[in-house]
Amino acid sequence: MSLPEVLLWQELRKRPGGFRFRRQVPFDPYVADFACLSARLIIEVDGASHERGNAPKRDLRRDAVLAQQGMRTLRIPARDVLNDVEICVTAIVAACREAGPPPPSAKADGPPSRSGEEL
């Protein structure tokens, strides 16, 4: 993981807003940086390379494929994470809340299960 991804993961693993997040989540044929499965939200931390060449078109195509699987994508510039990770976490929690409150099981203390979550 890149430094911005590490910094963001340190915060997301605390279950902000009661939401549970996973990292490096496979969504055929892609792997998402982070996901909140209960909110059906994918979080992508985008570095400068996502602004160059055909990367914007690839990102749009990827987002469309993931939307067909019922997932929304929130793209956060890596520089924003480096500048203020708390503002980024607040935006992520707000995006999760748009899908509704976290399920009661997500509010329970303890580490996430290793078996994965059902979609």
C-alpha atoms as a PDB file:
ATOM      1  CA  MET A   1       0.000   0.000   0.000  1.00  0.00           C
ATOM      2  CA  SER A   2       1.090   3.573  -0.635  1.00  0.00           C
ATOM      3  CA  LEU A   3       1.610   6.009   2.243  1.00  0.00           C
ATOM      4  CA  PRO A   4      -1.807   7.689   1.729  1.00  0.00           C
ATOM      5  CA  GLU A   5      -3.471   4.251   1.726  1.00  0.00           C
ATOM      6  CA  VAL A   6      -1.660   3.268   4.934  1.00  0.00           C
ATOM      7  CA  LEU A   7      -2.712   6.508   6.648  1.00  0.00           C
ATOM      8  CA  LEU A   8      -6.308   6.084   5.555  1.00  0.00           C
ATOM      9  CA  TRP A   9      -6.390   2.421   6.589  1.00  0.00           C
ATOM     10  CA  GLN A  10      -5.156   3.330  10.081  1.00  0.00           C
ATOM     11  CA  GLU A  11      -8.332   5.405  10.461  1.00  0.00           C
ATOM     12  CA  LEU A  12     -10.795   3.161   8.610  1.00  0.00           C
ATOM     13  CA  ARG A  13      -9.885   0.120  10.687  1.00  0.00           C
ATOM     14  CA  LYS A  14     -11.260   1.992  13.729  1.00  0.00           C
ATOM     15  CA  ARG A  15     -14.741   1.628  12.186  1.00  0.00           C
ATOM     16  CA  PRO A  16     -15.626   5.329  11.973  1.00  0.00           C
ATOM     17  CA  GLY A  17     -19.346   5.993  12.150  1.00  0.00           C
ATOM     18  CA  GLY A  18     -19.851   2.333  13.053  1.00  0.00           C
ATOM     19  CA  PHE A  19     -19.046   1.214   9.514  1.00  0.00           C
ATOM     20  CA  ARG A  20     -16.772  -1.717   8.822  1.00  0.00           C
ATOM     21  CA  PHE A  21     -14.153  -1.365   6.103  1.00  0.00           C
ATOM     22  CA  ARG A  22     -11.977  -3.869   4.305  1.00  0.00           C
ATOM     23  CA  ARG A  23      -8.827  -3.269   2.303  1.00  0.00           C
ATOM     24  CA  GLN A  24      -7.726  -4.780  -0.995  1.00  0.00           C
ATOM     25  CA  VAL A  25     -11.188  -6.158  -1.756  1.00  0.00           C
ATOM     26  CA  PRO A  26     -11.539  -8.185  -4.979  1.00  0.00           C
ATOM     27  CA  PHE A  27     -14.378  -7.227  -7.339  1.00  0.00           C
ATOM     28  CA  ASP A  28     -13.834  -9.223 -10.500  1.00  0.00           C
ATOM     29  CA  PRO A  29     -11.874  -8.168 -12.497  1.00  0.00           C
ATOM     30  CA  TYR A  30     -10.592  -5.420 -10.147  1.00  0.00           C
ATOM     31  CA  VAL A  31      -9.281  -5.024  -6.615  1.00  0.00           C
ATOM     32  CA  ALA A  32     -10.597  -2.042  -4.646  1.00  0.00           C
ATOM     33  CA  ASP A  33      -8.311  -0.133  -2.285  1.00  0.00           C
ATOM     34  CA  PHE A  34     -11.032  -0.162   0.402  1.00  0.00           C
ATOM     35  CA  ALA A  35     -14.697  -1.088   0.625  1.00  0.00           C
ATOM     36  CA  CYS A  36     -17.598  -0.777   3.022  1.00  0.00           C
ATOM     37  CA  LEU A  37     -19.717  -3.703   1.914  1.00  0.00           C
ATOM     38  CA  SER A  38     -22.759  -2.811   4.044  1.00  0.00           C
ATOM     39  CA  ALA A  39     -22.907   0.604   2.323  1.00  0.00           C
ATOM     40  CA  ARG A  40     -21.915  -0.883  -1.056  1.00  0.00           C
ATOM     41  CA  LEU A  41     -19.167   1.739  -1.282  1.00  0.00           C
ATOM     42  CA  ILE A  42     -15.698   1.407  -2.769  1.00  0.00           C
ATOM     43  CA  ILE A  43     -13.027   3.906  -1.776  1.00  0.00           C
ATOM     44  CA  GLU A  44     -10.165   4.461  -4.201  1.00  0.00           C
ATOM     45  CA  VAL A  45      -7.135   6.557  -3.246  1.00  0.00           C
ATOM     46  CA  ASP A  46      -5.922   8.091  -6.495  1.00  0.00           C
ATOM     47  CA  GLY A  47      -2.374   9.318  -6.998  1.00  0.00           C
ATOM     48  CA  ALA A  48      -1.259  11.804  -9.645  1.00  0.00           C
ATOM     49  CA  SER A  49      -1.059   9.062 -12.281  1.00  0.00           C
ATOM     50  CA  HIS A  50      -4.868   8.878 -12.330  1.00  0.00           C
ATOM     51  CA  GLU A  51      -4.942  12.361 -13.889  1.00  0.00           C
ATOM     52  CA  ARG A  52      -2.674  11.562 -16.855  1.00  0.00           C
ATOM     53  CA  GLY A  53      -2.999   9.833 -20.192  1.00  0.00           C
ATOM     54  CA  ASN A  54      -5.903   7.440 -20.577  1.00  0.00           C
ATOM     55  CA  ALA A  55      -6.166   6.824 -16.803  1.00  0.00           C
ATOM     56  CA  PRO A  56      -9.321   8.967 -16.415  1.00  0.00           C
ATOM     57  CA  LYS A  57     -11.078   6.881 -19.106  1.00  0.00           C
ATOM     58  CA  ARG A  58      -9.906   3.638 -17.460  1.00  0.00           C
ATOM     59  CA  ASP A  59     -11.200   4.866 -14.096  1.00  0.00           C
ATOM     60  CA  LEU A  60     -14.599   5.707 -15.614  1.00  0.00           C
ATOM     61  CA  ARG A  61     -14.798   2.263 -17.223  1.00  0.00           C
ATOM     62  CA  ARG A  62     -13.816   0.610 -13.927  1.00  0.00           C
ATOM     63  CA  ASP A  63     -16.413   2.631 -12.004  1.00  0.00           C
ATOM     64  CA  ALA A  64     -19.081   1.609 -14.537  1.00  0.00           C
ATOM     65  CA  VAL A  65     -18.210  -2.093 -14.191  1.00  0.00           C
ATOM     66  CA  LEU A  66     -18.353  -1.810 -10.395  1.00  0.00           C
ATOM     67  CA  ALA A  67     -21.667   0.072 -10.594  1.00  0.00           C
ATOM     68  CA  GLN A  68     -23.075  -2.876 -12.570  1.00  0.00           C
ATOM     69  CA  GLN A  69     -22.162  -4.967  -9.522  1.00  0.00           C
ATOM     70  CA  GLY A  70     -24.155  -2.554  -7.334  1.00  0.00           C
ATOM     71  CA  MET A  71     -21.173  -0.671  -5.909  1.00  0.00           C
ATOM     72  CA  ARG A  72     -20.622   3.081  -5.750  1.00  0.00           C
ATOM     73  CA  THR A  73     -17.079   4.406  -6.042  1.00  0.00           C
ATOM     74  CA  LEU A  74     -15.686   7.304  -4.041  1.00  0.00           C
ATOM     75  CA  ARG A  75     -12.370   8.552  -5.400  1.00  0.00           C
ATOM     76  CA  ILE A  76     -10.140  10.494  -3.029  1.00  0.00           C
ATOM     77  CA  PRO A  77      -6.950  12.174  -4.246  1.00  0.00           C
ATOM     78  CA  ALA A  78      -3.885  10.894  -2.394  1.00  0.00           C
ATOM     79  CA  ARG A  79      -2.812  14.494  -1.737  1.00  0.00           C
ATOM     80  CA  ASP A  80      -6.071  15.065   0.188  1.00  0.00           C
ATOM     81  CA  VAL A  81      -5.330  12.098   2.440  1.00  0.00           C
ATOM     82  CA  LEU A  82      -1.819  13.423   3.062  1.00  0.00           C
ATOM     83  CA  ASN A  83      -3.114  16.929   3.787  1.00  0.00           C
ATOM     84  CA  ASP A  84      -5.954  15.973   6.177  1.00  0.00           C
ATOM     85  CA  VAL A  85      -6.929  12.352   6.644  1.00  0.00           C
ATOM     86  CA  GLU A  86      -9.722  13.271   9.096  1.00  0.00           C
ATOM     87  CA  ILE A  87     -11.583  15.312   6.474  1.00  0.00           C
ATOM     88  CA  CYS A  88     -11.310  12.339   4.106  1.00  0.00           C
ATOM     89  CA  VAL A  89     -12.689   9.962   6.754  1.00  0.00           C
ATOM     90  CA  THR A  90     -15.576  12.360   7.409  1.00  0.00           C
ATOM     91  CA  ALA A  91     -16.406  12.367   3.683  1.00  0.00           C
ATOM     92  CA  ILE A  92     -16.240   8.569   3.554  1.00  0.00           C
ATOM     93  CA  VAL A  93     -18.569   8.173   6.538  1.00  0.00           C
ATOM     94  CA  ALA A  94     -20.999  10.665   4.965  1.00  0.00           C
ATOM     95  CA  ALA A  95     -20.985   8.637   1.738  1.00  0.00           C
ATOM     96  CA  CYS A  96     -21.644   5.459   3.728  1.00  0.00           C
ATOM     97  CA  ARG A  97     -24.539   7.095   5.579  1.00  0.00           C
ATOM     98  CA  GLU A  98     -26.189   7.929   2.251  1.00  0.00           C
ATOM     99  CA  ALA A  99     -26.778   4.179   1.938  1.00  0.00           C
ATOM    100  CA  GLY A 100     -28.344   4.028   5.409  1.00  0.00           C
ATOM    101  CA  PRO A 101     -27.160   3.342   8.952  1.00  0.00           C
ATOM    102  CA  PRO A 102     -24.600   0.614   9.575  1.00  0.00           C
ATOM    103  CA  PRO A 103     -26.048  -2.790  10.397  1.00  0.00           C
ATOM    104  CA  PRO A 104     -26.145  -3.599  14.128  1.00  0.00           C
ATOM    105  CA  SER A 105     -23.389  -6.197  13.757  1.00  0.00           C
ATOM    106  CA  ALA A 106     -21.026  -3.536  12.409  1.00  0.00           C
ATOM    107  CA  LYS A 107     -21.261  -1.643  15.682  1.00  0.00           C
ATOM    108  CA  ALA A 108     -19.985  -4.569  17.741  1.00  0.00           C
ATOM    109  CA  ASP A 109     -16.479  -4.313  19.123  1.00  0.00           C
ATOM    110  CA  GLY A 110     -13.723  -6.631  18.042  1.00  0.00           C
ATOM    111  CA  PRO A 111     -11.733  -7.271  14.903  1.00  0.00           C
ATOM    112  CA  PRO A 112     -13.405  -8.022  11.577  1.00  0.00           C
ATOM    113  CA  SER A 113     -13.929 -11.670  10.773  1.00  0.00           C
ATOM    114  CA  ARG A 114     -11.483 -13.308   8.364  1.00  0.00           C
ATOM    115  CA  SER A 115     -14.187 -15.176   6.457  1.00  0.00           C
ATOM    116  CA  GLY A 116     -15.476 -12.036   4.686  1.00  0.00           C
ATOM    117  CA  GLU A 117     -18.820 -10.366   4.482  1.00  0.00           C
ATOM    118  CA  GLU A 118     -21.748 -11.301   2.324  1.00  0.00           C
ATOM    119  CA  LEU A 119     -22.763  -8.779  -0.313  1.00  0.00           C
END
